[in-house]
């Protein structure tokens, strides 16, 4: 049972290398999307590994903008015809596993057919996210004064109307889908270009875009929560906690497979701890460096 890890990243090739190395498995392939604003050349050495590929159709990614959605779609379009996979696991270069790679593959094998994408309604479970969808957001406009213009637009324009009669749901923009679900998303967008137009004026639309399509599809009965551990118990900035050594126990106790967010430029110790933990789990004779 083969798994494809679609990794979206924009910095720190050495951290990406460590992520790929820890997830190496005979049944794993890696597709890497490098933000088009980033020089790709420092990452290219990773393609020396026979199961590492770079998404050719790169797009510019801006925080909370449509680019993350487009990068994921571009990845789907290149992965689906390439090979048969049981899952496409969409993560970022700042994610890291908190279960061993054999455990991850066993999990997907045991739960084959489930779509792991969190779907909380903006009508009740996630009400504070509703303005991100219902108001105009010009996050994708790279022009001066866009936020002032955004306030004016929302003041004079009527409330936005969702283009389809569908409940809007979401939460995490990192998820694990079967290729059938990924193909359904691509087919849906061909039939509903208005859906794309609408989401280009949302804020952080990636957290709703895929979930809403699949929640309102035949895949709905197979949906379970995302497999990513994230700590949002921090001041509201739009960013989760940057995980460090103090989180190690919580990460190991979690039933999730992956966690975010990590940055080896700011705190390498937690990655070192996880790597040593998995090395010991797989090879008890392993003696960590002191």
C-alpha atoms as a PDB file:
ATOM      1  CA  UNK A   1       0.000   0.000   0.000  1.00  0.00           C
ATOM      2  CA  UNK A   2       1.768   3.121  -1.225  1.00  0.00           C
ATOM      3  CA  UNK A   3       1.508   6.561   0.367  1.00  0.00           C
ATOM      4  CA  UNK A   4       2.386   9.825  -1.338  1.00  0.00           C
ATOM      5  CA  UNK A   5       3.444  12.684   0.926  1.00  0.00           C
ATOM      6  CA  UNK A   6       2.680  16.026  -0.728  1.00  0.00           C
ATOM      7  CA  UNK A   7       4.848  18.551   1.129  1.00  0.00           C
ATOM      8  CA  UNK A   8       4.374  22.307   0.715  1.00  0.00           C
ATOM      9  CA  UNK A   9       7.380  24.347   1.803  1.00  0.00           C
ATOM     10  CA  UNK A  10       9.280  27.565   1.258  1.00  0.00           C
ATOM     11  CA  UNK A  11      12.406  27.442   3.432  1.00  0.00           C
ATOM     12  CA  UNK A  12      14.985  25.390   5.296  1.00  0.00           C
ATOM     13  CA  UNK A  13      15.947  22.524   2.952  1.00  0.00           C
ATOM     14  CA  UNK A  14      17.828  20.733   5.739  1.00  0.00           C
ATOM     15  CA  UNK A  15      14.707  20.560   7.891  1.00  0.00           C
ATOM     16  CA  UNK A  16      12.809  19.238   4.869  1.00  0.00           C
ATOM     17  CA  UNK A  17      15.535  16.628   4.383  1.00  0.00           C
ATOM     18  CA  UNK A  18      15.083  15.445   7.970  1.00  0.00           C
ATOM     19  CA  UNK A  19      11.319  15.208   7.437  1.00  0.00           C
ATOM     20  CA  UNK A  20      11.797  13.124   4.292  1.00  0.00           C
ATOM     21  CA  UNK A  21      14.408  10.910   5.937  1.00  0.00           C
ATOM     22  CA  UNK A  22      12.249  10.120   8.961  1.00  0.00           C
ATOM     23  CA  UNK A  23       9.306   9.222   6.678  1.00  0.00           C
ATOM     24  CA  UNK A  24      11.347   7.046   4.303  1.00  0.00           C
ATOM     25  CA  UNK A  25       9.648   3.719   3.601  1.00  0.00           C
ATOM     26  CA  UNK A  26       9.619   1.262   0.667  1.00  0.00           C
ATOM     27  CA  UNK A  27       5.997   2.268   0.079  1.00  0.00           C
ATOM     28  CA  UNK A  28       6.416   6.038   0.331  1.00  0.00           C
ATOM     29  CA  UNK A  29       6.948   8.702  -2.337  1.00  0.00           C
ATOM     30  CA  UNK A  30       7.430  12.429  -1.807  1.00  0.00           C
ATOM     31  CA  UNK A  31       6.190  15.299  -3.972  1.00  0.00           C
ATOM     32  CA  UNK A  32       7.600  18.669  -2.937  1.00  0.00           C
ATOM     33  CA  UNK A  33       6.003  21.998  -3.840  1.00  0.00           C
ATOM     34  CA  UNK A  34       8.425  24.888  -3.357  1.00  0.00           C
ATOM     35  CA  UNK A  35       6.820  28.332  -3.150  1.00  0.00           C
ATOM     36  CA  UNK A  36       7.498  30.033  -6.482  1.00  0.00           C
ATOM     37  CA  UNK A  37       8.809  33.091  -4.623  1.00  0.00           C
ATOM     38  CA  UNK A  38      11.608  30.886  -3.240  1.00  0.00           C
ATOM     39  CA  UNK A  39      14.788  29.902  -5.076  1.00  0.00           C
ATOM     40  CA  UNK A  40      14.338  26.167  -5.632  1.00  0.00           C
ATOM     41  CA  UNK A  41      18.010  25.377  -6.278  1.00  0.00           C
ATOM     42  CA  UNK A  42      19.024  24.802  -2.595  1.00  0.00           C
ATOM     43  CA  UNK A  43      16.377  22.052  -2.414  1.00  0.00           C
ATOM     44  CA  UNK A  44      17.219  20.189  -5.625  1.00  0.00           C
ATOM     45  CA  UNK A  45      19.789  17.861  -4.052  1.00  0.00           C
ATOM     46  CA  UNK A  46      16.857  16.063  -2.423  1.00  0.00           C
ATOM     47  CA  UNK A  47      15.794  14.738  -5.835  1.00  0.00           C
ATOM     48  CA  UNK A  48      18.864  12.470  -5.742  1.00  0.00           C
ATOM     49  CA  UNK A  49      16.596  10.150  -3.766  1.00  0.00           C
ATOM     50  CA  UNK A  50      14.659   8.025  -6.236  1.00  0.00           C
ATOM     51  CA  UNK A  51      11.320   8.542  -4.501  1.00  0.00           C
ATOM     52  CA  UNK A  52      11.522  12.341  -4.215  1.00  0.00           C
ATOM     53  CA  UNK A  53       9.925  14.480  -6.920  1.00  0.00           C
ATOM     54  CA  UNK A  54       9.342  18.202  -7.265  1.00  0.00           C
ATOM     55  CA  UNK A  55       5.973  19.607  -8.318  1.00  0.00           C
ATOM     56  CA  UNK A  56       6.735  21.220 -11.659  1.00  0.00           C
ATOM     57  CA  UNK A  57       3.806  23.647 -11.747  1.00  0.00           C
ATOM     58  CA  UNK A  58       4.803  25.934  -8.881  1.00  0.00           C
ATOM     59  CA  UNK A  59       2.717  28.840  -7.629  1.00  0.00           C
ATOM     60  CA  UNK A  60       3.397  31.801  -5.351  1.00  0.00           C
ATOM     61  CA  UNK A  61       2.147  31.250  -1.820  1.00  0.00           C
ATOM     62  CA  UNK A  62       1.239  34.116   0.496  1.00  0.00           C
ATOM     63  CA  UNK A  63       0.175  33.524   4.074  1.00  0.00           C
ATOM     64  CA  UNK A  64      -3.635  33.105   4.325  1.00  0.00           C
ATOM     65  CA  UNK A  65      -3.973  33.539   0.552  1.00  0.00           C
ATOM     66  CA  UNK A  66      -5.225  31.293  -2.230  1.00  0.00           C
ATOM     67  CA  UNK A  67      -1.714  30.086  -3.089  1.00  0.00           C
ATOM     68  CA  UNK A  68      -1.773  27.200  -0.597  1.00  0.00           C
ATOM     69  CA  UNK A  69      -4.944  25.907  -2.253  1.00  0.00           C
ATOM     70  CA  UNK A  70      -3.449  26.236  -5.737  1.00  0.00           C
ATOM     71  CA  UNK A  71      -0.208  24.531  -4.685  1.00  0.00           C
ATOM     72  CA  UNK A  72      -2.178  21.580  -3.318  1.00  0.00           C
ATOM     73  CA  UNK A  73      -4.287  21.328  -6.481  1.00  0.00           C
ATOM     74  CA  UNK A  74      -1.139  21.476  -8.618  1.00  0.00           C
ATOM     75  CA  UNK A  75       0.260  18.631  -6.568  1.00  0.00           C
ATOM     76  CA  UNK A  76      -2.900  16.550  -7.056  1.00  0.00           C
ATOM     77  CA  UNK A  77      -2.759  17.099 -10.802  1.00  0.00           C
ATOM     78  CA  UNK A  78       0.780  15.745 -11.007  1.00  0.00           C
ATOM     79  CA  UNK A  79       0.403  12.930  -8.469  1.00  0.00           C
ATOM     80  CA  UNK A  80      -2.838  11.320  -9.644  1.00  0.00           C
ATOM     81  CA  UNK A  81      -1.639  10.232 -13.105  1.00  0.00           C
ATOM     82  CA  UNK A  82       1.853   9.307 -11.869  1.00  0.00           C
ATOM     83  CA  UNK A  83       1.212   6.170  -9.837  1.00  0.00           C
ATOM     84  CA  UNK A  84      -1.427   4.357  -7.793  1.00  0.00           C
ATOM     85  CA  UNK A  85      -1.403   5.433  -4.167  1.00  0.00           C
ATOM     86  CA  UNK A  86      -3.645   4.501  -1.265  1.00  0.00           C
ATOM     87  CA  UNK A  87      -3.306   7.987   0.270  1.00  0.00           C
ATOM     88  CA  UNK A  88      -2.091  11.461  -0.525  1.00  0.00           C
ATOM     89  CA  UNK A  89      -0.885  12.943   2.751  1.00  0.00           C
ATOM     90  CA  UNK A  90      -0.730  16.756   2.535  1.00  0.00           C
ATOM     91  CA  UNK A  91       1.671  18.320   5.035  1.00  0.00           C
ATOM     92  CA  UNK A  92       4.013  21.288   5.254  1.00  0.00           C
ATOM     93  CA  UNK A  93       7.782  21.392   5.518  1.00  0.00           C
ATOM     94  CA  UNK A  94       7.327  22.497   9.123  1.00  0.00           C
ATOM     95  CA  UNK A  95       5.446  19.346  10.120  1.00  0.00           C
ATOM     96  CA  UNK A  96       7.050  16.263  11.644  1.00  0.00           C
ATOM     97  CA  UNK A  97       5.766  12.786  12.532  1.00  0.00           C
ATOM     98  CA  UNK A  98       4.989  11.951  16.144  1.00  0.00           C
ATOM     99  CA  UNK A  99       4.484   8.260  15.394  1.00  0.00           C
ATOM    100  CA  UNK A 100       7.088   6.014  13.818  1.00  0.00           C
ATOM    101  CA  UNK A 101       6.958   5.510  10.060  1.00  0.00           C
ATOM    102  CA  UNK A 102       5.960   1.814  10.384  1.00  0.00           C
ATOM    103  CA  UNK A 103       3.105   2.894  12.684  1.00  0.00           C
ATOM    104  CA  UNK A 104       2.011   5.524  10.162  1.00  0.00           C
ATOM    105  CA  UNK A 105       1.865   3.001   7.321  1.00  0.00           C
ATOM    106  CA  UNK A 106       0.066   0.464   9.548  1.00  0.00           C
ATOM    107  CA  UNK A 107      -2.470   3.127  10.507  1.00  0.00           C
ATOM    108  CA  UNK A 108      -3.307   4.005   6.909  1.00  0.00           C
ATOM    109  CA  UNK A 109      -3.527   0.325   6.011  1.00  0.00           C
ATOM    110  CA  UNK A 110      -5.930  -0.343   8.904  1.00  0.00           C
ATOM    111  CA  UNK A 111      -8.099   2.693   8.113  1.00  0.00           C
ATOM    112  CA  UNK A 112      -7.940   2.487   4.338  1.00  0.00           C
ATOM    113  CA  UNK A 113     -10.826   4.354   2.719  1.00  0.00           C
ATOM    114  CA  UNK A 114     -11.234   6.956   5.477  1.00  0.00           C
ATOM    115  CA  UNK A 115     -10.752  10.626   4.522  1.00  0.00           C
ATOM    116  CA  UNK A 116      -8.879  12.463   7.272  1.00  0.00           C
ATOM    117  CA  UNK A 117      -9.964  16.091   7.074  1.00  0.00           C
ATOM    118  CA  UNK A 118     -11.582  18.069   9.894  1.00  0.00           C
ATOM    119  CA  UNK A 119     -15.033  19.474   9.059  1.00  0.00           C
ATOM    120  CA  UNK A 120     -16.398  21.902  11.672  1.00  0.00           C
ATOM    121  CA  UNK A 121     -19.374  24.050  10.716  1.00  0.00           C
ATOM    122  CA  UNK A 122     -18.959  27.832  10.689  1.00  0.00           C
ATOM    123  CA  UNK A 123     -22.613  28.002  11.794  1.00  0.00           C
ATOM    124  CA  UNK A 124     -21.992  26.478  15.246  1.00  0.00           C
ATOM    125  CA  UNK A 125     -18.740  24.595  15.961  1.00  0.00           C
ATOM    126  CA  UNK A 126     -16.444  27.260  14.472  1.00  0.00           C
ATOM    127  CA  UNK A 127     -18.506  30.467  14.441  1.00  0.00           C
ATOM    128  CA  UNK A 128     -15.570  32.845  14.821  1.00  0.00           C
ATOM    129  CA  UNK A 129     -14.282  31.725  11.412  1.00  0.00           C
ATOM    130  CA  UNK A 130     -17.441  32.819   9.558  1.00  0.00           C
ATOM    131  CA  UNK A 131     -16.207  36.376   8.710  1.00  0.00           C
ATOM    132  CA  UNK A 132     -13.208  34.846   6.946  1.00  0.00           C
ATOM    133  CA  UNK A 133     -15.621  33.400   4.403  1.00  0.00           C
ATOM    134  CA  UNK A 134     -18.504  35.876   4.437  1.00  0.00           C
ATOM    135  CA  UNK A 135     -16.524  39.125   4.098  1.00  0.00           C
ATOM    136  CA  UNK A 136     -14.331  40.311   1.246  1.00  0.00           C
ATOM    137  CA  UNK A 137     -10.620  39.740   1.825  1.00  0.00           C
ATOM    138  CA  UNK A 138      -7.977  41.097  -0.518  1.00  0.00           C
ATOM    139  CA  UNK A 139      -5.120  38.982   0.840  1.00  0.00           C
ATOM    140  CA  UNK A 140      -4.198  37.890  -2.701  1.00  0.00           C
ATOM    141  CA  UNK A 141      -3.865  41.474  -3.969  1.00  0.00           C
ATOM    142  CA  UNK A 142      -0.220  42.523  -3.853  1.00  0.00           C
ATOM    143  CA  UNK A 143      -0.962  46.270  -3.837  1.00  0.00           C
ATOM    144  CA  UNK A 144      -0.327  49.056  -1.299  1.00  0.00           C
ATOM    145  CA  UNK A 145      -3.296  50.063   0.826  1.00  0.00           C
ATOM    146  CA  UNK A 146      -5.157  46.809   0.229  1.00  0.00           C
ATOM    147  CA  UNK A 147      -6.342  46.455   3.828  1.00  0.00           C
ATOM    148  CA  UNK A 148      -7.810  49.953   3.839  1.00  0.00           C
ATOM    149  CA  UNK A 149      -9.504  49.194   0.540  1.00  0.00           C
ATOM    150  CA  UNK A 150     -10.784  45.947   2.032  1.00  0.00           C
ATOM    151  CA  UNK A 151     -12.494  47.857   4.875  1.00  0.00           C
ATOM    152  CA  UNK A 152     -14.147  50.216   2.392  1.00  0.00           C
ATOM    153  CA  UNK A 153     -15.355  47.343   0.212  1.00  0.00           C
ATOM    154  CA  UNK A 154     -16.890  45.519   3.175  1.00  0.00           C
ATOM    155  CA  UNK A 155     -18.571  48.710   4.345  1.00  0.00           C
ATOM    156  CA  UNK A 156     -20.261  49.589   1.066  1.00  0.00           C
ATOM    157  CA  UNK A 157     -20.865  46.164  -0.469  1.00  0.00           C
ATOM    158  CA  UNK A 158     -23.653  43.778   0.550  1.00  0.00           C
ATOM    159  CA  UNK A 159     -22.693  40.620   2.442  1.00  0.00           C
ATOM    160  CA  UNK A 160     -21.074  37.998   0.270  1.00  0.00           C
ATOM    161  CA  UNK A 161     -23.309  35.172  -0.859  1.00  0.00           C
ATOM    162  CA  UNK A 162     -21.794  31.708  -1.073  1.00  0.00           C
ATOM    163  CA  UNK A 163     -22.092  30.564  -4.699  1.00  0.00           C
ATOM    164  CA  UNK A 164     -23.496  27.113  -3.925  1.00  0.00           C
ATOM    165  CA  UNK A 165     -26.184  25.951  -1.552  1.00  0.00           C
ATOM    166  CA  UNK A 166     -23.731  24.105   0.677  1.00  0.00           C
ATOM    167  CA  UNK A 167     -22.844  24.308   4.372  1.00  0.00           C
ATOM    168  CA  UNK A 168     -19.308  25.639   4.824  1.00  0.00           C
ATOM    169  CA  UNK A 169     -17.041  23.568   7.067  1.00  0.00           C
ATOM    170  CA  UNK A 170     -13.355  23.191   7.792  1.00  0.00           C
ATOM    171  CA  UNK A 171     -10.538  23.689  10.256  1.00  0.00           C
ATOM    172  CA  UNK A 172      -7.205  22.282   9.100  1.00  0.00           C
ATOM    173  CA  UNK A 173      -5.602  22.796   5.707  1.00  0.00           C
ATOM    174  CA  UNK A 174      -3.406  19.721   6.243  1.00  0.00           C
ATOM    175  CA  UNK A 175      -5.119  16.411   5.568  1.00  0.00           C
ATOM    176  CA  UNK A 176      -4.835  12.839   4.252  1.00  0.00           C
ATOM    177  CA  UNK A 177      -7.096  11.845   1.369  1.00  0.00           C
ATOM    178  CA  UNK A 178      -7.584   8.862  -0.887  1.00  0.00           C
ATOM    179  CA  UNK A 179      -6.803   9.562  -4.550  1.00  0.00           C
ATOM    180  CA  UNK A 180     -10.520   9.094  -5.275  1.00  0.00           C
ATOM    181  CA  UNK A 181     -11.335  12.039  -2.988  1.00  0.00           C
ATOM    182  CA  UNK A 182      -8.567  14.164  -4.526  1.00  0.00           C
ATOM    183  CA  UNK A 183      -9.890  13.418  -8.006  1.00  0.00           C
ATOM    184  CA  UNK A 184     -13.416  14.298  -6.866  1.00  0.00           C
ATOM    185  CA  UNK A 185     -12.135  17.723  -5.777  1.00  0.00           C
ATOM    186  CA  UNK A 186     -10.494  18.361  -9.157  1.00  0.00           C
ATOM    187  CA  UNK A 187     -13.618  17.252 -11.045  1.00  0.00           C
ATOM    188  CA  UNK A 188     -15.839  19.406  -8.807  1.00  0.00           C
ATOM    189  CA  UNK A 189     -13.772  22.501  -9.598  1.00  0.00           C
ATOM    190  CA  UNK A 190     -14.058  21.919 -13.335  1.00  0.00           C
ATOM    191  CA  UNK A 191     -17.845  21.873 -12.921  1.00  0.00           C
ATOM    192  CA  UNK A 192     -17.944  24.831 -10.485  1.00  0.00           C
ATOM    193  CA  UNK A 193     -15.435  27.552 -11.426  1.00  0.00           C
ATOM    194  CA  UNK A 194     -17.504  29.998  -9.357  1.00  0.00           C
ATOM    195  CA  UNK A 195     -16.311  28.131  -6.252  1.00  0.00           C
ATOM    196  CA  UNK A 196     -12.698  29.025  -7.062  1.00  0.00           C
ATOM    197  CA  UNK A 197     -13.598  32.669  -7.767  1.00  0.00           C
ATOM    198  CA  UNK A 198     -15.360  32.945  -4.428  1.00  0.00           C
ATOM    199  CA  UNK A 199     -12.464  31.513  -2.417  1.00  0.00           C
ATOM    200  CA  UNK A 200      -9.965  33.918  -3.938  1.00  0.00           C
ATOM    201  CA  UNK A 201     -11.587  36.600  -1.760  1.00  0.00           C
ATOM    202  CA  UNK A 202     -11.529  34.687   1.525  1.00  0.00           C
ATOM    203  CA  UNK A 203      -8.936  34.776   4.308  1.00  0.00           C
ATOM    204  CA  UNK A 204      -7.210  31.464   5.039  1.00  0.00           C
ATOM    205  CA  UNK A 205      -9.565  29.818   2.556  1.00  0.00           C
ATOM    206  CA  UNK A 206      -7.436  26.665   2.457  1.00  0.00           C
ATOM    207  CA  UNK A 207      -8.932  25.725   5.827  1.00  0.00           C
ATOM    208  CA  UNK A 208     -12.420  25.507   4.243  1.00  0.00           C
ATOM    209  CA  UNK A 209     -11.872  24.845   0.547  1.00  0.00           C
ATOM    210  CA  UNK A 210     -11.261  21.081   0.497  1.00  0.00           C
ATOM    211  CA  UNK A 211     -13.313  20.241   3.586  1.00  0.00           C
ATOM    212  CA  UNK A 212     -16.462  21.928   2.249  1.00  0.00           C
ATOM    213  CA  UNK A 213     -16.280  20.084  -1.072  1.00  0.00           C
ATOM    214  CA  UNK A 214     -15.822  16.661   0.533  1.00  0.00           C
ATOM    215  CA  UNK A 215     -18.327  17.245   3.347  1.00  0.00           C
ATOM    216  CA  UNK A 216     -20.965  17.879   0.681  1.00  0.00           C
ATOM    217  CA  UNK A 217     -20.039  14.832  -1.368  1.00  0.00           C
ATOM    218  CA  UNK A 218     -20.502  11.052  -1.349  1.00  0.00           C
ATOM    219  CA  UNK A 219     -17.297  10.920   0.727  1.00  0.00           C
ATOM    220  CA  UNK A 220     -19.008  12.543   3.720  1.00  0.00           C
ATOM    221  CA  UNK A 221     -19.713   9.268   5.546  1.00  0.00           C
ATOM    222  CA  UNK A 222     -16.023   8.342   5.409  1.00  0.00           C
ATOM    223  CA  UNK A 223     -14.642  11.559   6.919  1.00  0.00           C
ATOM    224  CA  UNK A 224     -12.653  11.616  10.183  1.00  0.00           C
ATOM    225  CA  UNK A 225     -10.614  14.360  11.834  1.00  0.00           C
ATOM    226  CA  UNK A 226      -7.240  15.442  10.503  1.00  0.00           C
ATOM    227  CA  UNK A 227      -4.192  13.538  11.749  1.00  0.00           C
ATOM    228  CA  UNK A 228      -2.213  16.673  12.675  1.00  0.00           C
ATOM    229  CA  UNK A 229      -1.518  17.791  16.247  1.00  0.00           C
ATOM    230  CA  UNK A 230      -1.591  21.603  16.545  1.00  0.00           C
ATOM    231  CA  UNK A 231      -1.430  23.729  19.699  1.00  0.00           C
ATOM    232  CA  UNK A 232      -3.567  26.862  19.321  1.00  0.00           C
ATOM    233  CA  UNK A 233      -3.344  27.719  23.034  1.00  0.00           C
ATOM    234  CA  UNK A 234      -1.305  30.839  22.289  1.00  0.00           C
ATOM    235  CA  UNK A 235      -2.081  34.548  21.778  1.00  0.00           C
ATOM    236  CA  UNK A 236      -4.227  35.068  18.697  1.00  0.00           C
ATOM    237  CA  UNK A 237      -1.867  35.771  15.793  1.00  0.00           C
ATOM    238  CA  UNK A 238      -3.171  33.355  13.196  1.00  0.00           C
ATOM    239  CA  UNK A 239      -0.205  31.080  13.901  1.00  0.00           C
ATOM    240  CA  UNK A 240      -0.093  27.985  16.139  1.00  0.00           C
ATOM    241  CA  UNK A 241       2.498  27.454  18.844  1.00  0.00           C
ATOM    242  CA  UNK A 242       6.034  26.822  17.647  1.00  0.00           C
ATOM    243  CA  UNK A 243       6.652  23.457  19.326  1.00  0.00           C
ATOM    244  CA  UNK A 244       9.706  22.894  21.537  1.00  0.00           C
ATOM    245  CA  UNK A 245      11.163  20.401  24.002  1.00  0.00           C
ATOM    246  CA  UNK A 246       8.493  21.182  26.605  1.00  0.00           C
ATOM    247  CA  UNK A 247       5.903  19.692  24.235  1.00  0.00           C
ATOM    248  CA  UNK A 248       7.660  16.321  23.856  1.00  0.00           C
ATOM    249  CA  UNK A 249       5.479  14.425  26.349  1.00  0.00           C
ATOM    250  CA  UNK A 250       2.253  15.813  24.883  1.00  0.00           C
ATOM    251  CA  UNK A 251       3.343  14.871  21.371  1.00  0.00           C
ATOM    252  CA  UNK A 252       4.077  11.262  22.330  1.00  0.00           C
ATOM    253  CA  UNK A 253       0.774  11.010  24.227  1.00  0.00           C
ATOM    254  CA  UNK A 254      -1.260  12.283  21.265  1.00  0.00           C
ATOM    255  CA  UNK A 255      -3.214   9.897  19.044  1.00  0.00           C
ATOM    256  CA  UNK A 256      -2.294  12.010  15.990  1.00  0.00           C
ATOM    257  CA  UNK A 257       0.328  10.928  13.458  1.00  0.00           C
ATOM    258  CA  UNK A 258       1.958  14.306  12.758  1.00  0.00           C
ATOM    259  CA  UNK A 259       2.431  17.630  14.519  1.00  0.00           C
ATOM    260  CA  UNK A 260       3.173  21.201  13.579  1.00  0.00           C
ATOM    261  CA  UNK A 261       4.756  23.681  13.798  1.00  0.00           C
ATOM    262  CA  UNK A 262       8.526  23.127  14.003  1.00  0.00           C
ATOM    263  CA  UNK A 263      11.412  25.390  13.043  1.00  0.00           C
ATOM    264  CA  UNK A 264      14.972  24.081  13.462  1.00  0.00           C
ATOM    265  CA  UNK A 265      16.352  27.600  13.024  1.00  0.00           C
ATOM    266  CA  UNK A 266      14.647  28.563  16.281  1.00  0.00           C
ATOM    267  CA  UNK A 267      14.438  25.284  18.208  1.00  0.00           C
ATOM    268  CA  UNK A 268      16.188  22.178  16.939  1.00  0.00           C
ATOM    269  CA  UNK A 269      16.058  20.227  20.190  1.00  0.00           C
ATOM    270  CA  UNK A 270      12.503  18.935  19.766  1.00  0.00           C
ATOM    271  CA  UNK A 271      13.321  17.478  16.321  1.00  0.00           C
ATOM    272  CA  UNK A 272      16.449  15.855  17.784  1.00  0.00           C
ATOM    273  CA  UNK A 273      14.353  14.340  20.571  1.00  0.00           C
ATOM    274  CA  UNK A 274      11.778  12.913  18.167  1.00  0.00           C
ATOM    275  CA  UNK A 275      14.432  11.470  15.863  1.00  0.00           C
ATOM    276  CA  UNK A 276      16.186   9.763  18.795  1.00  0.00           C
ATOM    277  CA  UNK A 277      12.872   8.450  20.127  1.00  0.00           C
ATOM    278  CA  UNK A 278      11.998   6.786  16.816  1.00  0.00           C
ATOM    279  CA  UNK A 279      15.523   5.441  16.346  1.00  0.00           C
ATOM    280  CA  UNK A 280      15.326   3.786  19.761  1.00  0.00           C
ATOM    281  CA  UNK A 281      11.850   2.422  19.039  1.00  0.00           C
ATOM    282  CA  UNK A 282      13.015   0.808  15.800  1.00  0.00           C
ATOM    283  CA  UNK A 283      16.498  -0.204  17.009  1.00  0.00           C
ATOM    284  CA  UNK A 284      16.731  -0.546  20.818  1.00  0.00           C
ATOM    285  CA  UNK A 285      20.531  -0.849  20.577  1.00  0.00           C
ATOM    286  CA  UNK A 286      20.755   2.699  19.173  1.00  0.00           C
ATOM    287  CA  UNK A 287      22.884   4.957  21.359  1.00  0.00           C
ATOM    288  CA  UNK A 288      21.953   8.628  20.898  1.00  0.00           C
ATOM    289  CA  UNK A 289      24.694  11.220  20.557  1.00  0.00           C
ATOM    290  CA  UNK A 290      25.455  12.991  23.798  1.00  0.00           C
END
